[in-house]
Amino acid sequence: IKEVPEFFAARLFSLFVEEGGLWLFVDKMGFDE
């Protein structure tokens, strides 16, 4: 009850960092080139 929500919440935070970074690099900075 302690570990699972904390683990997923921390990983969810890093997912938002990754999703935001992907969007920035691919959609805004044109990394597909």
ModelCIF file with pLDDT and N, C-alpha, C, O atoms, coordinates in Angstrom:
data_MODEL
#
_entry.id   MODEL 
#
_entity.id                         1 
_entity.type                       polymer 
_entity.pdbx_number_of_molecules   1 
#
_entity_poly.entity_id                      1 
_entity_poly.type                           'polypeptide(L)' 
_entity_poly.nstd_linkage                   no 
_entity_poly.nstd_monomer                   no 
_entity_poly.pdbx_seq_one_letter_code       IKEVPEFFAARLFSLFVEEGGLWLFVDKMGFDE 
_entity_poly.pdbx_seq_one_letter_code_can   IKEVPEFFAARLFSLFVEEGGLWLFVDKMGFDE 
_entity_poly.pdbx_strand_id                 A 
#
loop_
_entity_poly_seq.entity_id 
_entity_poly_seq.num 
_entity_poly_seq.mon_id 
_entity_poly_seq.hetero 
1 1  ILE n 
1 2  LYS n 
1 3  GLU n 
1 4  VAL n 
1 5  PRO n 
1 6  GLU n 
1 7  PHE n 
1 8  PHE n 
1 9  ALA n 
1 10 ALA n 
1 11 ARG n 
1 12 LEU n 
1 13 PHE n 
1 14 SER n 
1 15 LEU n 
1 16 PHE n 
1 17 VAL n 
1 18 GLU n 
1 19 GLU n 
1 20 GLY n 
1 21 GLY n 
1 22 LEU n 
1 23 TRP n 
1 24 LEU n 
1 25 PHE n 
1 26 VAL n 
1 27 ASP n 
1 28 LYS n 
1 29 MET n 
1 30 GLY n 
1 31 PHE n 
1 32 ASP n 
1 33 GLU n 
#
_struct_asym.id          A 
_struct_asym.entity_id   1 
#
loop_
_ma_qa_metric.id 
_ma_qa_metric.mode 
_ma_qa_metric.name 
_ma_qa_metric.software_group_id 
_ma_qa_metric.type 
1 global pLDDT . pLDDT 
2 local  pLDDT . pLDDT 
#
_ma_qa_metric_global.metric_id      1 
_ma_qa_metric_global.metric_value   91.27 
_ma_qa_metric_global.model_id       1 
_ma_qa_metric_global.ordinal_id     1 
#
loop_
_ma_qa_metric_local.label_asym_id 
_ma_qa_metric_local.label_comp_id 
_ma_qa_metric_local.label_seq_id 
_ma_qa_metric_local.metric_id 
_ma_qa_metric_local.metric_value 
_ma_qa_metric_local.model_id 
_ma_qa_metric_local.ordinal_id 
A ILE 1  2 93.00 1 1  
A LYS 2  2 89.00 1 2  
A GLU 3  2 91.00 1 3  
A VAL 4  2 93.00 1 4  
A PRO 5  2 94.00 1 5  
A GLU 6  2 92.00 1 6  
A PHE 7  2 93.00 1 7  
A PHE 8  2 92.00 1 8  
A ALA 9  2 94.00 1 9  
A ALA 10 2 92.00 1 10 
A ARG 11 2 91.00 1 11 
A LEU 12 2 92.00 1 12 
A PHE 13 2 94.00 1 13 
A SER 14 2 90.00 1 14 
A LEU 15 2 87.00 1 15 
A PHE 16 2 92.00 1 16 
A VAL 17 2 93.00 1 17 
A GLU 18 2 88.00 1 18 
A GLU 19 2 88.00 1 19 
A GLY 20 2 94.00 1 20 
A GLY 21 2 95.00 1 21 
A LEU 22 2 91.00 1 22 
A TRP 23 2 93.00 1 23 
A LEU 24 2 95.00 1 24 
A PHE 25 2 93.00 1 25 
A VAL 26 2 91.00 1 26 
A ASP 27 2 91.00 1 27 
A LYS 28 2 94.00 1 28 
A MET 29 2 93.00 1 29 
A GLY 30 2 91.00 1 30 
A PHE 31 2 86.00 1 31 
A ASP 32 2 82.00 1 32 
A GLU 33 2 85.00 1 33 
#
loop_
_atom_site.group_PDB 
_atom_site.id 
_atom_site.type_symbol 
_atom_site.label_atom_id 
_atom_site.label_alt_id 
_atom_site.label_comp_id 
_atom_site.label_asym_id 
_atom_site.label_entity_id 
_atom_site.label_seq_id 
_atom_site.pdbx_PDB_ins_code 
_atom_site.Cartn_x 
_atom_site.Cartn_y 
_atom_site.Cartn_z 
_atom_site.occupancy 
_atom_site.B_iso_or_equiv 
_atom_site.pdbx_formal_charge 
_atom_site.auth_seq_id 
_atom_site.auth_comp_id 
_atom_site.auth_asym_id 
_atom_site.auth_atom_id 
_atom_site.pdbx_PDB_model_num 
ATOM 1   N N  . ILE A 1 1  ? 0.835  -1.207 0.000   1.00 93.00 ? 1  ILE A N  1 
ATOM 2   C CA . ILE A 1 1  ? 0.000  0.000  0.000   1.00 93.00 ? 1  ILE A CA 1 
ATOM 3   C C  . ILE A 1 1  ? 0.869  1.257  0.000   1.00 93.00 ? 1  ILE A C  1 
ATOM 4   O O  . ILE A 1 1  ? 0.463  2.292  -0.528  1.00 93.00 ? 1  ILE A O  1 
ATOM 5   N N  . LYS A 1 2  ? 2.055  1.172  0.586   1.00 89.00 ? 2  LYS A N  1 
ATOM 6   C CA . LYS A 1 2  ? 2.981  2.301  0.581   1.00 89.00 ? 2  LYS A CA 1 
ATOM 7   C C  . LYS A 1 2  ? 3.800  2.327  -0.717  1.00 89.00 ? 2  LYS A C  1 
ATOM 8   O O  . LYS A 1 2  ? 3.872  3.355  -1.389  1.00 89.00 ? 2  LYS A O  1 
ATOM 9   N N  . GLU A 1 3  ? 4.409  1.201  -1.060  1.00 91.00 ? 3  GLU A N  1 
ATOM 10  C CA . GLU A 1 3  ? 5.364  1.163  -2.162  1.00 91.00 ? 3  GLU A CA 1 
ATOM 11  C C  . GLU A 1 3  ? 4.745  1.366  -3.544  1.00 91.00 ? 3  GLU A C  1 
ATOM 12  O O  . GLU A 1 3  ? 5.229  2.181  -4.329  1.00 91.00 ? 3  GLU A O  1 
ATOM 13  N N  . VAL A 1 4  ? 3.686  0.631  -3.838  1.00 93.00 ? 4  VAL A N  1 
ATOM 14  C CA . VAL A 1 4  ? 3.139  0.646  -5.198  1.00 93.00 ? 4  VAL A CA 1 
ATOM 15  C C  . VAL A 1 4  ? 2.694  2.044  -5.627  1.00 93.00 ? 4  VAL A C  1 
ATOM 16  O O  . VAL A 1 4  ? 3.100  2.502  -6.696  1.00 93.00 ? 4  VAL A O  1 
ATOM 17  N N  . PRO A 1 5  ? 1.869  2.742  -4.830  1.00 94.00 ? 5  PRO A N  1 
ATOM 18  C CA . PRO A 1 5  ? 1.481  4.098  -5.267  1.00 94.00 ? 5  PRO A CA 1 
ATOM 19  C C  . PRO A 1 5  ? 2.673  5.057  -5.379  1.00 94.00 ? 5  PRO A C  1 
ATOM 20  O O  . PRO A 1 5  ? 2.733  5.867  -6.303  1.00 94.00 ? 5  PRO A O  1 
ATOM 21  N N  . GLU A 1 6  ? 3.617  4.964  -4.440  1.00 92.00 ? 6  GLU A N  1 
ATOM 22  C CA . GLU A 1 6  ? 4.795  5.834  -4.504  1.00 92.00 ? 6  GLU A CA 1 
ATOM 23  C C  . GLU A 1 6  ? 5.619  5.538  -5.747  1.00 92.00 ? 6  GLU A C  1 
ATOM 24  O O  . GLU A 1 6  ? 6.076  6.455  -6.430  1.00 92.00 ? 6  GLU A O  1 
ATOM 25  N N  . PHE A 1 7  ? 5.811  4.238  -6.043  1.00 93.00 ? 7  PHE A N  1 
ATOM 26  C CA . PHE A 1 7  ? 6.608  3.839  -7.199  1.00 93.00 ? 7  PHE A CA 1 
ATOM 27  C C  . PHE A 1 7  ? 5.957  4.343  -8.482  1.00 93.00 ? 7  PHE A C  1 
ATOM 28  O O  . PHE A 1 7  ? 6.614  4.948  -9.329  1.00 93.00 ? 7  PHE A O  1 
ATOM 29  N N  . PHE A 1 8  ? 4.653  4.084  -8.616  1.00 92.00 ? 8  PHE A N  1 
ATOM 30  C CA . PHE A 1 8  ? 3.953  4.512  -9.829  1.00 92.00 ? 8  PHE A CA 1 
ATOM 31  C C  . PHE A 1 8  ? 3.880  6.038  -9.926  1.00 92.00 ? 8  PHE A C  1 
ATOM 32  O O  . PHE A 1 8  ? 3.973  6.584  -11.025 1.00 92.00 ? 8  PHE A O  1 
ATOM 33  N N  . ALA A 1 9  ? 3.718  6.729  -8.809  1.00 94.00 ? 9  ALA A N  1 
ATOM 34  C CA . ALA A 1 9  ? 3.673  8.198  -8.831  1.00 94.00 ? 9  ALA A CA 1 
ATOM 35  C C  . ALA A 1 9  ? 5.018  8.772  -9.283  1.00 94.00 ? 9  ALA A C  1 
ATOM 36  O O  . ALA A 1 9  ? 5.063  9.695  -10.096 1.00 94.00 ? 9  ALA A O  1 
ATOM 37  N N  . ALA A 1 10 ? 6.109  8.220  -8.751  1.00 92.00 ? 10 ALA A N  1 
ATOM 38  C CA . ALA A 1 10 ? 7.440  8.685  -9.153  1.00 92.00 ? 10 ALA A CA 1 
ATOM 39  C C  . ALA A 1 10 ? 7.676  8.398  -10.627 1.00 92.00 ? 10 ALA A C  1 
ATOM 40  O O  . ALA A 1 10 ? 8.193  9.244  -11.356 1.00 92.00 ? 10 ALA A O  1 
ATOM 41  N N  . ARG A 1 11 ? 7.299  7.211  -11.062 1.00 91.00 ? 11 ARG A N  1 
ATOM 42  C CA . ARG A 1 11 ? 7.470  6.853  -12.471 1.00 91.00 ? 11 ARG A CA 1 
ATOM 43  C C  . ARG A 1 11 ? 6.535  7.670  -13.359 1.00 91.00 ? 11 ARG A C  1 
ATOM 44  O O  . ARG A 1 11 ? 6.876  7.969  -14.503 1.00 91.00 ? 11 ARG A O  1 
ATOM 45  N N  . LEU A 1 12 ? 5.380  8.027  -12.853 1.00 92.00 ? 12 LEU A N  1 
ATOM 46  C CA . LEU A 1 12 ? 4.458  8.869  -13.607 1.00 92.00 ? 12 LEU A CA 1 
ATOM 47  C C  . LEU A 1 12 ? 5.078  10.257 -13.815 1.00 92.00 ? 12 LEU A C  1 
ATOM 48  O O  . LEU A 1 12 ? 4.962  10.846 -14.890 1.00 92.00 ? 12 LEU A O  1 
ATOM 49  N N  . PHE A 1 13 ? 5.733  10.764 -12.775 1.00 94.00 ? 13 PHE A N  1 
ATOM 50  C CA . PHE A 1 13 ? 6.428  12.044 -12.910 1.00 94.00 ? 13 PHE A CA 1 
ATOM 51  C C  . PHE A 1 13 ? 7.493  11.954 -14.003 1.00 94.00 ? 13 PHE A C  1 
ATOM 52  O O  . PHE A 1 13 ? 7.585  12.836 -14.858 1.00 94.00 ? 13 PHE A O  1 
ATOM 53  N N  . SER A 1 14 ? 8.292  10.894 -13.976 1.00 90.00 ? 14 SER A N  1 
ATOM 54  C CA . SER A 1 14 ? 9.339  10.772 -14.991 1.00 90.00 ? 14 SER A CA 1 
ATOM 55  C C  . SER A 1 14 ? 8.732  10.522 -16.376 1.00 90.00 ? 14 SER A C  1 
ATOM 56  O O  . SER A 1 14 ? 9.330  10.898 -17.384 1.00 90.00 ? 14 SER A O  1 
ATOM 57  N N  . LEU A 1 15 ? 7.557  9.893  -16.439 1.00 87.00 ? 15 LEU A N  1 
ATOM 58  C CA . LEU A 1 15 ? 6.861  9.736  -17.723 1.00 87.00 ? 15 LEU A CA 1 
ATOM 59  C C  . LEU A 1 15 ? 6.483  11.109 -18.280 1.00 87.00 ? 15 LEU A C  1 
ATOM 60  O O  . LEU A 1 15 ? 6.648  11.356 -19.474 1.00 87.00 ? 15 LEU A O  1 
ATOM 61  N N  . PHE A 1 16 ? 5.976  12.009 -17.423 1.00 92.00 ? 16 PHE A N  1 
ATOM 62  C CA . PHE A 1 16 ? 5.634  13.355 -17.886 1.00 92.00 ? 16 PHE A CA 1 
ATOM 63  C C  . PHE A 1 16 ? 6.876  14.092 -18.390 1.00 92.00 ? 16 PHE A C  1 
ATOM 64  O O  . PHE A 1 16 ? 6.808  14.827 -19.375 1.00 92.00 ? 16 PHE A O  1 
ATOM 65  N N  . VAL A 1 17 ? 8.002  13.893 -17.717 1.00 93.00 ? 17 VAL A N  1 
ATOM 66  C CA . VAL A 1 17 ? 9.257  14.487 -18.183 1.00 93.00 ? 17 VAL A CA 1 
ATOM 67  C C  . VAL A 1 17 ? 9.587  13.930 -19.571 1.00 93.00 ? 17 VAL A C  1 
ATOM 68  O O  . VAL A 1 17 ? 9.947  14.680 -20.479 1.00 93.00 ? 17 VAL A O  1 
ATOM 69  N N  . GLU A 1 18 ? 9.461  12.611 -19.725 1.00 88.00 ? 18 GLU A N  1 
ATOM 70  C CA . GLU A 1 18 ? 9.781  11.972 -21.007 1.00 88.00 ? 18 GLU A CA 1 
ATOM 71  C C  . GLU A 1 18 ? 8.784  12.380 -22.100 1.00 88.00 ? 18 GLU A C  1 
ATOM 72  O O  . GLU A 1 18 ? 9.193  12.718 -23.211 1.00 88.00 ? 18 GLU A O  1 
ATOM 73  N N  . GLU A 1 19 ? 7.496  12.352 -21.798 1.00 88.00 ? 19 GLU A N  1 
ATOM 74  C CA . GLU A 1 19 ? 6.482  12.736 -22.789 1.00 88.00 ? 19 GLU A CA 1 
ATOM 75  C C  . GLU A 1 19 ? 6.687  14.188 -23.225 1.00 88.00 ? 19 GLU A C  1 
ATOM 76  O O  . GLU A 1 19 ? 6.640  14.498 -24.415 1.00 88.00 ? 19 GLU A O  1 
ATOM 77  N N  . GLY A 1 20 ? 6.912  15.065 -22.260 1.00 94.00 ? 20 GLY A N  1 
ATOM 78  C CA . GLY A 1 20 ? 7.160  16.470 -22.593 1.00 94.00 ? 20 GLY A CA 1 
ATOM 79  C C  . GLY A 1 20 ? 8.416  16.634 -23.434 1.00 94.00 ? 20 GLY A C  1 
ATOM 80  O O  . GLY A 1 20 ? 8.450  17.423 -24.378 1.00 94.00 ? 20 GLY A O  1 
ATOM 81  N N  . GLY A 1 21 ? 9.443  15.878 -23.079 1.00 95.00 ? 21 GLY A N  1 
ATOM 82  C CA . GLY A 1 21 ? 10.694 15.926 -23.845 1.00 95.00 ? 21 GLY A CA 1 
ATOM 83  C C  . GLY A 1 21 ? 10.517 15.393 -25.256 1.00 95.00 ? 21 GLY A C  1 
ATOM 84  O O  . GLY A 1 21 ? 11.037 15.971 -26.211 1.00 95.00 ? 21 GLY A O  1 
ATOM 85  N N  . LEU A 1 22 ? 9.778  14.280 -25.396 1.00 91.00 ? 22 LEU A N  1 
ATOM 86  C CA . LEU A 1 22 ? 9.510  13.737 -26.733 1.00 91.00 ? 22 LEU A CA 1 
ATOM 87  C C  . LEU A 1 22 ? 8.749  14.752 -27.582 1.00 91.00 ? 22 LEU A C  1 
ATOM 88  O O  . LEU A 1 22 ? 9.106  15.010 -28.731 1.00 91.00 ? 22 LEU A O  1 
ATOM 89  N N  . TRP A 1 23 ? 7.709  15.314 -27.008 1.00 93.00 ? 23 TRP A N  1 
ATOM 90  C CA . TRP A 1 23 ? 6.929  16.312 -27.735 1.00 93.00 ? 23 TRP A CA 1 
ATOM 91  C C  . TRP A 1 23 ? 7.815  17.484 -28.160 1.00 93.00 ? 23 TRP A C  1 
ATOM 92  O O  . TRP A 1 23 ? 7.747  17.944 -29.300 1.00 93.00 ? 23 TRP A O  1 
ATOM 93  N N  . LEU A 1 24 ? 8.648  17.960 -27.229 1.00 95.00 ? 24 LEU A N  1 
ATOM 94  C CA . LEU A 1 24 ? 9.535  19.082 -27.523 1.00 95.00 ? 24 LEU A CA 1 
ATOM 95  C C  . LEU A 1 24 ? 10.522 18.729 -28.638 1.00 95.00 ? 24 LEU A C  1 
ATOM 96  O O  . LEU A 1 24 ? 10.649 19.466 -29.615 1.00 95.00 ? 24 LEU A O  1 
ATOM 97  N N  . PHE A 1 25 ? 11.227 17.587 -28.486 1.00 93.00 ? 25 PHE A N  1 
ATOM 98  C CA . PHE A 1 25 ? 12.240 17.199 -29.470 1.00 93.00 ? 25 PHE A CA 1 
ATOM 99  C C  . PHE A 1 25 ? 11.640 16.861 -30.833 1.00 93.00 ? 25 PHE A C  1 
ATOM 100 O O  . PHE A 1 25 ? 12.165 17.276 -31.866 1.00 93.00 ? 25 PHE A O  1 
ATOM 101 N N  . VAL A 1 26 ? 10.541 16.107 -30.832 1.00 91.00 ? 26 VAL A N  1 
ATOM 102 C CA . VAL A 1 26 ? 9.975  15.627 -32.100 1.00 91.00 ? 26 VAL A CA 1 
ATOM 103 C C  . VAL A 1 26 ? 9.093  16.690 -32.758 1.00 91.00 ? 26 VAL A C  1 
ATOM 104 O O  . VAL A 1 26 ? 9.310  17.051 -33.914 1.00 91.00 ? 26 VAL A O  1 
ATOM 105 N N  . ASP A 1 27 ? 8.115  17.181 -32.030 1.00 91.00 ? 27 ASP A N  1 
ATOM 106 C CA . ASP A 1 27 ? 7.144  18.090 -32.643 1.00 91.00 ? 27 ASP A CA 1 
ATOM 107 C C  . ASP A 1 27 ? 7.651  19.529 -32.767 1.00 91.00 ? 27 ASP A C  1 
ATOM 108 O O  . ASP A 1 27 ? 7.302  20.223 -33.721 1.00 91.00 ? 27 ASP A O  1 
ATOM 109 N N  . LYS A 1 28 ? 8.446  19.972 -31.840 1.00 94.00 ? 28 LYS A N  1 
ATOM 110 C CA . LYS A 1 28 ? 8.877  21.371 -31.860 1.00 94.00 ? 28 LYS A CA 1 
ATOM 111 C C  . LYS A 1 28 ? 10.281 21.569 -32.434 1.00 94.00 ? 28 LYS A C  1 
ATOM 112 O O  . LYS A 1 28 ? 10.555 22.593 -33.060 1.00 94.00 ? 28 LYS A O  1 
ATOM 113 N N  . MET A 1 29 ? 11.169 20.596 -32.222 1.00 93.00 ? 29 MET A N  1 
ATOM 114 C CA . MET A 1 29 ? 12.550 20.760 -32.681 1.00 93.00 ? 29 MET A CA 1 
ATOM 115 C C  . MET A 1 29 ? 12.859 19.936 -33.935 1.00 93.00 ? 29 MET A C  1 
ATOM 116 O O  . MET A 1 29 ? 13.968 20.017 -34.462 1.00 93.00 ? 29 MET A O  1 
ATOM 117 N N  . GLY A 1 30 ? 11.893 19.143 -34.420 1.00 91.00 ? 30 GLY A N  1 
ATOM 118 C CA . GLY A 1 30 ? 12.057 18.418 -35.673 1.00 91.00 ? 30 GLY A CA 1 
ATOM 119 C C  . GLY A 1 30 ? 13.067 17.287 -35.671 1.00 91.00 ? 30 GLY A C  1 
ATOM 120 O O  . GLY A 1 30 ? 13.784 17.103 -36.654 1.00 91.00 ? 30 GLY A O  1 
ATOM 121 N N  . PHE A 1 31 ? 13.139 16.526 -34.589 1.00 86.00 ? 31 PHE A N  1 
ATOM 122 C CA . PHE A 1 31 ? 14.109 15.439 -34.501 1.00 86.00 ? 31 PHE A CA 1 
ATOM 123 C C  . PHE A 1 31 ? 13.916 14.350 -35.558 1.00 86.00 ? 31 PHE A C  1 
ATOM 124 O O  . PHE A 1 31 ? 14.843 13.582 -35.816 1.00 86.00 ? 31 PHE A O  1 
ATOM 125 N N  . ASP A 1 32 ? 12.742 14.265 -36.171 1.00 82.00 ? 32 ASP A N  1 
ATOM 126 C CA . ASP A 1 32 ? 12.529 13.228 -37.190 1.00 82.00 ? 32 ASP A CA 1 
ATOM 127 C C  . ASP A 1 32 ? 13.448 13.398 -38.396 1.00 82.00 ? 32 ASP A C  1 
ATOM 128 O O  . ASP A 1 32 ? 13.613 12.463 -39.178 1.00 82.00 ? 32 ASP A O  1 
ATOM 129 N N  . GLU A 1 33 ? 14.036 14.554 -38.554 1.00 85.00 ? 33 GLU A N  1 
ATOM 130 C CA . GLU A 1 33 ? 14.991 14.785 -39.637 1.00 85.00 ? 33 GLU A CA 1 
ATOM 131 C C  . GLU A 1 33 ? 16.283 13.991 -39.431 1.00 85.00 ? 33 GLU A C  1 
ATOM 132 O O  . GLU A 1 33 ? 17.196 14.072 -40.254 1.00 85.00 ? 33 GLU A O  1 
#
